Protein backbone atom coordinates (compact mmCIF):
# COMPACT_ATOMS: atom_id res chain seq x y z
CA MET A 1 -94.93 78.73 -86.63
CA SER A 2 -91.86 80.88 -88.04
CA ASN A 3 -90.60 81.41 -84.65
CA GLU A 4 -90.82 77.81 -83.71
CA VAL A 5 -88.62 76.84 -86.93
CA CYS A 6 -86.12 79.49 -86.05
CA GLU A 7 -85.83 78.41 -82.57
CA ARG A 8 -85.44 74.82 -83.80
CA TYR A 9 -82.77 75.71 -86.44
CA ALA A 10 -80.90 78.01 -84.01
CA GLY A 11 -80.78 75.39 -81.43
CA ALA A 12 -79.40 72.82 -83.66
CA LEU A 13 -76.49 75.64 -84.86
CA PHE A 14 -76.07 76.30 -81.09
CA SER A 15 -75.70 72.46 -80.15
CA LEU A 16 -73.19 72.10 -82.88
CA ALA A 17 -71.09 75.37 -81.47
CA GLN A 18 -71.54 73.94 -77.82
CA GLU A 19 -70.26 70.71 -78.75
CA SER A 20 -66.96 72.34 -80.36
CA ASN A 21 -66.72 74.84 -77.64
CA ARG A 22 -67.10 77.41 -80.09
CA ILE A 23 -70.27 79.52 -79.14
CA GLU A 24 -68.64 83.00 -78.92
CA GLU A 25 -66.79 82.17 -82.36
CA ARG A 26 -69.92 81.05 -83.95
CA LYS A 27 -71.81 84.02 -82.63
CA THR A 28 -69.19 86.44 -84.01
CA ASP A 29 -69.80 84.67 -87.43
CA VAL A 30 -73.86 84.75 -87.14
CA GLU A 31 -73.44 88.73 -86.18
CA TYR A 32 -71.15 89.00 -89.64
CA LEU A 33 -73.62 86.99 -91.59
CA LEU A 34 -76.56 88.89 -89.92
CA ASN A 35 -74.98 92.26 -90.75
CA LEU A 36 -74.19 91.38 -94.37
CA LEU A 37 -77.63 90.52 -94.95
CA GLU A 38 -78.92 93.73 -93.40
CA GLU A 39 -76.73 95.71 -95.59
CA ASN A 40 -77.09 93.72 -98.78
CA PRO A 41 -80.76 92.90 -99.06
CA GLU A 42 -80.26 91.71 -102.54
CA ILE A 43 -78.78 88.77 -100.93
CA ASN A 44 -82.14 87.91 -99.23
CA THR A 45 -83.78 88.55 -102.78
CA PHE A 46 -81.39 86.07 -104.39
CA PHE A 47 -82.49 83.51 -101.75
CA ARG A 48 -86.07 83.85 -102.20
CA ALA A 49 -86.07 83.85 -106.03
CA VAL A 50 -87.99 80.91 -106.90
CA LYS A 51 -86.42 80.96 -110.50
CA ILE A 52 -82.62 80.32 -109.10
CA ASN A 53 -82.54 76.61 -108.39
CA ARG A 54 -81.07 75.26 -105.27
CA GLN A 55 -77.95 74.06 -106.80
CA GLU A 56 -77.30 77.77 -108.03
CA LYS A 57 -78.00 79.24 -104.66
CA LYS A 58 -75.51 76.61 -103.05
CA GLU A 59 -72.71 77.37 -105.68
CA PHE A 60 -73.20 81.09 -104.81
CA ILE A 61 -72.90 80.37 -101.10
CA ASP A 62 -69.47 78.29 -101.72
CA GLU A 63 -68.17 81.06 -104.07
CA VAL A 64 -68.98 83.93 -101.82
CA LEU A 65 -69.39 83.04 -98.47
CA GLY A 66 -67.05 79.82 -98.37
CA GLN A 67 -64.14 82.29 -98.14
CA VAL A 68 -65.63 83.94 -95.11
CA PHE A 69 -67.03 81.08 -92.93
CA ASP A 70 -65.80 77.77 -92.07
CA ARG A 71 -67.50 74.34 -93.46
CA GLU A 72 -69.57 73.71 -90.87
CA MET A 73 -71.61 77.29 -91.01
CA ILE A 74 -71.48 76.84 -94.90
CA ASN A 75 -73.13 73.57 -94.62
CA PHE A 76 -75.84 74.90 -92.36
CA ILE A 77 -76.63 77.49 -94.92
CA LYS A 78 -77.01 74.80 -97.46
CA LEU A 79 -79.29 72.89 -95.22
CA LEU A 80 -81.73 75.94 -94.95
CA ILE A 81 -81.74 75.85 -98.68
CA ASP A 82 -82.35 72.35 -99.09
CA LYS A 83 -85.14 72.28 -96.48
CA GLY A 84 -86.81 75.14 -98.22
CA ARG A 85 -85.95 77.29 -94.92
CA ILE A 86 -83.53 79.82 -95.91
CA SER A 87 -86.32 82.60 -95.91
CA GLU A 88 -86.02 82.27 -92.37
CA LEU A 89 -82.15 82.73 -92.29
CA LYS A 90 -82.43 86.06 -90.43
CA GLY A 91 -84.77 84.88 -87.81
CA ILE A 92 -82.49 81.99 -87.22
CA LEU A 93 -79.40 84.04 -86.87
CA GLU A 94 -81.18 86.19 -84.40
CA GLN A 95 -82.55 83.57 -82.42
CA TYR A 96 -78.93 81.98 -82.44
CA ILE A 97 -77.57 85.11 -81.22
CA ALA A 98 -80.11 85.07 -78.38
CA GLN A 99 -79.28 81.71 -77.32
CA ALA A 100 -75.60 82.51 -77.30
CA ASN A 101 -75.77 85.49 -75.16
CA GLN A 102 -77.97 83.68 -72.55
CA ALA A 103 -75.09 80.68 -72.42
CA LEU A 104 -72.42 83.37 -72.25
CA GLY A 105 -74.18 85.40 -69.76
CA ILE A 106 -74.68 88.52 -71.93
CA GLN A 107 -77.64 90.79 -71.93
CA THR A 108 -78.71 93.59 -73.96
CA ALA A 109 -79.84 96.90 -72.87
CA VAL A 110 -81.98 99.03 -75.28
CA VAL A 111 -81.64 102.66 -74.47
CA TYR A 112 -83.86 105.20 -75.95
CA SER A 113 -82.79 108.74 -76.04
CA ALA A 114 -83.53 112.05 -77.96
CA ARG A 115 -79.91 111.90 -79.66
CA GLU A 116 -77.06 109.44 -80.20
CA LEU A 117 -75.47 109.10 -76.76
CA SER A 118 -71.68 109.94 -76.56
CA GLU A 119 -68.93 107.27 -76.27
CA SER A 120 -68.44 108.62 -72.69
CA ASP A 121 -72.10 108.31 -71.62
CA ARG A 122 -72.54 104.78 -73.18
CA LYS A 123 -69.31 103.72 -71.37
CA LYS A 124 -70.82 105.17 -68.04
CA LEU A 125 -74.37 103.71 -68.64
CA GLN A 126 -72.91 100.36 -69.56
CA ASP A 127 -70.57 100.02 -66.57
CA ALA A 128 -73.46 100.97 -64.24
CA LEU A 129 -75.74 98.42 -65.94
CA GLU A 130 -73.22 95.71 -65.58
CA LYS A 131 -72.21 96.50 -61.85
CA LYS A 132 -76.35 96.13 -61.24
CA HIS A 133 -77.36 93.22 -63.35
CA LYS A 134 -73.88 91.48 -62.67
CA CYS A 135 -73.27 90.52 -66.34
CA LYS A 136 -71.91 91.75 -69.67
CA ILE A 137 -74.15 94.28 -71.12
CA ILE A 138 -74.41 94.85 -74.99
CA LEU A 139 -75.93 98.53 -75.39
CA GLU A 140 -78.02 99.27 -78.23
CA ASN A 141 -78.85 103.04 -78.70
CA LYS A 142 -82.15 103.96 -80.48
CA ILE A 143 -83.06 107.45 -81.15
CA ASP A 144 -86.63 108.70 -80.35
CA PRO A 145 -87.09 112.17 -80.50
CA SER A 146 -90.28 112.06 -78.45
CA VAL A 147 -88.59 111.27 -75.27
CA ILE A 148 -87.51 114.99 -75.31
CA ALA A 149 -84.75 114.35 -72.89
CA GLY A 150 -83.24 111.80 -70.65
CA ILE A 151 -83.38 107.96 -71.40
CA LYS A 152 -85.35 105.16 -71.20
CA VAL A 153 -83.47 101.79 -70.64
CA ILE A 154 -84.91 98.16 -71.12
CA VAL A 155 -82.80 95.32 -69.93
CA GLY A 156 -84.97 92.02 -70.03
CA ASN A 157 -87.96 92.73 -68.59
CA GLU A 158 -86.79 95.52 -66.30
CA VAL A 159 -87.91 99.14 -67.83
CA THR A 160 -86.24 102.47 -66.43
CA ASP A 161 -87.80 105.43 -67.94
CA VAL A 162 -86.35 108.72 -66.52
CA THR A 163 -87.34 110.77 -69.63
CA VAL A 164 -89.34 114.45 -69.71
CA LYS A 165 -91.92 112.54 -71.80
CA ASN A 166 -92.69 110.15 -68.80
CA ARG A 167 -92.52 112.75 -66.22
CA LEU A 168 -95.00 114.79 -68.28
CA ASP A 169 -97.09 111.86 -68.97
CA GLU A 170 -97.35 111.16 -65.16
CA MET A 171 -98.03 114.78 -64.42
CA LYS A 172 -101.03 114.72 -67.07
CA GLY A 173 -102.38 111.82 -65.36
CA ILE A 174 -102.50 113.39 -62.01
CA LEU A 175 -103.93 116.66 -63.20
CA LEU A 176 -106.43 115.02 -65.02
CA LYS A 177 -107.44 112.84 -62.00
CA GLY A 178 -107.84 116.31 -60.04
CA GLY A 179 -104.69 116.18 -58.01
CA LEU A 180 -101.65 118.17 -57.38
CA ALA A 181 -98.26 117.58 -59.68
């Protein structure tokens, strides 16, 4: 149910942005708000607090977020408060980003590596992926010490695994079947 709610509200926000030809601008606002929520979990706690009434939450929105976001975005957040859906805000924002990325021809590539990739490595990988997939790629580097060395890249449903861990697992499978590695 929650995912369906997030898709519905994100779709409404996306439609508004599409009508005013502001998908990319709205995406920037949504990413900023999502980042704000992740860096300040007390805001989520405030929104979920049952002892704080809807009017107080709306006043907070006007006072704090009203200086950062346009009236359309503020009214959208207030609508979520009125409809009792403010607890779904993070999921709605994430869903909007996914819809906007699709409309803008952007894909996300998740790169697993044993250490943080250098800026030059990130740029080379991003360029190669953009050339291969013929679209803009946003790289998300996740650290996973278990890969030992190499990288694992996931773009959409495509997985490219050139990690030492994967190679060792393949060799182990072959040896357990009685074959030669």
